[in-house]
Protein backbone atom coordinates (compact mmCIF):
# COMPACT_ATOMS: atom_id res chain seq x y z
CA MET A 1 132.02 71.15 117.45
CA GLU A 2 130.86 72.77 120.70
CA LYS A 3 133.23 75.73 120.18
CA SER A 4 131.89 76.46 116.67
CA LYS A 5 128.30 76.28 117.93
CA SER A 6 129.16 78.79 120.66
CA SER A 7 130.85 81.11 118.15
CA PHE A 8 127.85 80.87 115.85
CA THR A 9 125.47 81.78 118.71
CA LYS A 10 127.67 84.74 119.68
CA GLY A 11 127.74 85.86 116.04
CA ILE A 12 123.94 85.75 115.84
CA ALA A 13 123.64 87.70 119.10
CA ALA A 14 126.12 90.31 117.88
CA GLY A 15 124.20 90.63 114.59
CA VAL A 16 120.92 91.19 116.43
CA VAL A 17 122.47 93.82 118.71
CA LEU A 18 124.11 95.63 115.76
CA SER A 19 120.86 95.55 113.77
CA ALA A 20 118.93 96.99 116.72
CA LEU A 21 121.56 99.68 117.19
CA PHE A 22 121.43 100.55 113.48
CA GLY A 23 117.62 100.75 113.64
CA LEU A 24 117.78 103.05 116.65
CA LEU A 25 120.32 105.30 114.94
CA LEU A 26 118.16 105.44 111.81
CA MET A 27 115.10 106.44 113.87
CA LEU A 28 117.10 109.15 115.64
CA PHE A 29 118.42 110.40 112.30
CA VAL A 30 114.90 110.68 110.88
CA ALA A 31 113.57 112.34 114.06
CA TYR A 32 116.34 114.92 114.39
CA THR A 33 116.73 115.81 110.70
CA GLY A 34 113.00 116.11 109.95
CA ALA A 35 113.50 113.69 107.06
CA TYR A 36 109.96 112.32 107.36
CA ASN A 37 107.32 114.74 106.08
CA ILE A 38 104.51 114.95 108.66
CA ALA A 39 102.33 117.32 106.59
CA ALA A 40 98.65 116.36 106.56
CA SER A 41 98.52 117.42 102.90
CA GLN A 42 100.68 114.44 101.87
CA ASP A 43 99.60 110.86 102.51
CA HIS A 44 101.83 108.36 104.27
CA SER A 45 103.81 105.91 102.19
CA PRO A 46 102.03 102.57 101.62
CA PHE A 47 104.32 100.86 104.15
CA VAL A 48 103.68 103.45 106.89
CA ARG A 49 99.92 103.39 106.15
CA TRP A 50 99.96 99.57 106.43
CA LEU A 51 102.04 99.73 109.64
CA PHE A 52 99.68 102.22 111.34
CA SER A 53 96.54 100.39 110.17
CA THR A 54 97.76 96.94 111.19
CA THR A 55 98.98 98.20 114.55
CA MET A 56 95.68 99.98 115.25
CA ASN A 57 93.52 96.99 114.27
CA ASN A 58 95.54 94.54 116.38
CA SER A 59 95.79 96.92 119.33
CA VAL A 60 92.03 97.52 119.40
CA ALA A 61 91.23 93.82 119.03
CA ALA A 62 93.58 92.87 121.87
CA ARG A 63 92.22 95.46 124.28
CA ALA A 64 88.54 95.20 123.36
CA ASP A 65 88.57 91.45 124.02
CA GLU A 66 88.67 92.28 127.74
CA LEU A 67 85.33 94.12 127.56
CA GLU A 68 82.03 92.51 128.40
CA THR A 69 79.68 93.28 125.50
CA PRO A 70 75.93 93.53 126.09
CA ASN A 71 74.05 90.59 124.56
CA GLU A 72 71.76 92.89 122.60
CA PHE A 73 70.96 96.55 122.17
CA SER A 74 67.51 98.07 122.50
CA GLU A 75 65.89 100.41 120.00
CA ALA A 76 66.13 103.15 122.64
CA GLN A 77 69.92 102.63 122.87
CA ILE A 78 70.27 102.73 119.09
CA ASP A 79 68.19 105.93 118.91
CA ALA A 80 70.20 107.54 121.71
CA GLY A 81 73.38 106.44 119.94
CA ALA A 82 72.12 108.12 116.75
CA GLN A 83 71.72 111.41 118.64
CA HIS A 84 75.28 111.22 119.94
CA TYR A 85 76.67 110.07 116.58
CA LYS A 86 75.04 112.91 114.66
CA ALA A 87 76.36 115.46 117.17
CA MET A 88 79.87 114.04 117.69
CA CYS A 89 80.83 111.73 114.82
CA GLU A 90 78.95 112.54 111.62
CA HIS A 91 81.15 115.51 110.66
CA CYS A 92 84.14 113.14 110.28
CA HIS A 93 82.58 109.72 109.58
CA ALA A 94 79.52 110.79 107.51
CA GLY A 95 76.31 108.76 107.37
CA PRO A 96 73.82 107.37 104.87
CA GLY A 97 73.04 110.29 102.55
CA VAL A 98 75.24 112.65 104.59
CA LYS A 99 78.77 113.62 103.58
CA ARG A 100 81.53 114.36 106.06
CA ALA A 101 82.20 118.03 106.76
CA GLU A 102 84.34 119.80 104.18
CA TRP A 103 87.13 120.44 106.70
CA ALA A 104 87.33 116.70 107.48
CA GLU A 105 88.29 116.02 103.84
CA GLY A 106 91.73 117.45 104.67
CA MET A 107 92.42 114.90 107.40
CA LEU A 108 95.05 112.22 106.94
CA PRO A 109 94.45 109.49 107.55
CA GLN A 110 90.90 109.98 106.33
CA PRO A 111 88.33 109.02 108.97
CA PRO A 112 86.66 105.79 107.88
CA HIS A 113 83.22 106.05 106.28
CA LEU A 114 81.41 103.99 108.90
CA VAL A 115 78.50 103.05 106.64
CA GLU A 116 80.95 100.56 105.09
CA GLU A 117 83.66 100.15 107.74
CA ALA A 118 81.46 99.44 110.76
CA ALA A 119 80.77 95.96 109.41
CA HIS A 120 84.43 95.08 110.03
CA TRP A 121 84.34 95.92 113.76
CA GLN A 122 82.71 94.12 116.69
CA PRO A 123 80.57 96.17 119.12
CA ASN A 124 83.21 95.92 121.86
CA GLU A 125 85.83 97.24 119.42
CA VAL A 126 83.64 100.19 118.42
CA PHE A 127 83.06 100.96 122.11
CA TRP A 128 86.81 100.79 122.81
CA LEU A 129 87.60 103.10 119.88
CA VAL A 130 85.00 105.66 120.97
CA LYS A 131 86.12 105.51 124.60
CA HIS A 132 89.89 105.62 124.03
CA GLY A 133 90.32 107.25 120.60
CA VAL A 134 93.27 106.64 118.27
CA ARG A 135 96.58 108.47 118.48
CA MET A 136 97.82 110.31 115.40
CA SER A 137 94.45 110.02 113.67
CA ALA A 138 92.40 112.89 115.14
CA MET A 139 89.99 110.34 116.67
CA PRO A 140 89.36 111.77 120.15
CA ALA A 141 88.88 109.74 123.32
CA PHE A 142 85.34 110.35 124.58
CA GLY A 143 85.76 108.25 127.72
CA GLU A 144 86.79 111.23 129.84
CA THR A 145 83.71 113.25 128.94
CA HIS A 146 80.97 110.64 128.47
CA GLU A 147 79.55 107.80 130.53
CA ASP A 148 80.09 104.23 129.35
CA ALA A 149 76.34 103.83 128.79
CA GLU A 150 76.43 106.66 126.23
CA LEU A 151 79.43 105.11 124.51
CA TRP A 152 77.65 101.74 124.31
CA ASP A 153 74.70 103.58 122.73
CA ILE A 154 77.05 104.95 120.06
CA ALA A 155 78.51 101.47 119.49
CA ALA A 156 74.98 100.06 119.15
CA PHE A 157 74.10 102.69 116.57
CA VAL A 158 77.36 102.40 114.60
CA LYS A 159 76.83 98.65 114.23
CA GLN A 160 73.46 99.45 112.55
CA LEU A 161 75.01 101.78 109.94
CA PRO A 162 75.95 99.16 107.31
CA GLY A 163 72.90 98.67 105.12
CA MET A 164 70.98 101.56 106.69
CA THR A 165 69.01 103.66 104.22
CA THR A 166 69.10 107.43 104.03
CA SER A 167 65.54 107.71 105.35
CA GLU A 168 66.22 105.29 108.23
CA TYR A 169 69.29 107.33 109.16
CA ALA A 170 67.37 110.61 109.01
CA ALA A 171 64.60 109.21 111.23
CA LEU A 172 66.88 108.05 114.03
CA GLY A 173 68.01 110.37 116.81
CA GLN A 174 65.29 112.97 116.26
CA GLN A 175 64.31 113.27 119.93
CA ALA A 176 64.89 116.67 121.51
CA GLY A 177 68.34 117.35 122.85
CA THR A 178 71.67 115.73 122.29
CA HIS A 179 72.79 115.57 125.93
CA GLY A 180 74.89 118.71 125.76
CA HIS A 181 76.78 118.05 122.53
């Protein structure tokens, strides 16, 4: 009995190793033959789109949990965040009554329309995304060029986008200057 259990365990281990080796060879085949079309004019397959989206959502949630989120945001922070958003983010993510820039329509994956999508993210997650960006999505990391306080302002504003009217959006961020954007 003990010998058959040991053989079974060895068989399972060998199967796992062979499966991993096959997976590695398949990845190398795809990488070296160019079998996967990386053109931005063709969307990913549903599986690859799901894989990237799920990985991004879980990665952001895991890393943003370590951040200490302010208890509340002031109107001044939200207004400052609107200035930054309109200068840095609107061309890709749009806004109430404002479409994304024409050139951003050719991006894949499409940048999320934050008027709807911001409701699905916590403020610490929005901050993390703005600070660190997202690989293979054209979302830049603004943490190297902006202070954390500015990034929290953007997060405060983005969390206000769901349900914001066109006139409310237009009124925010109208103070002179956009801090060099």
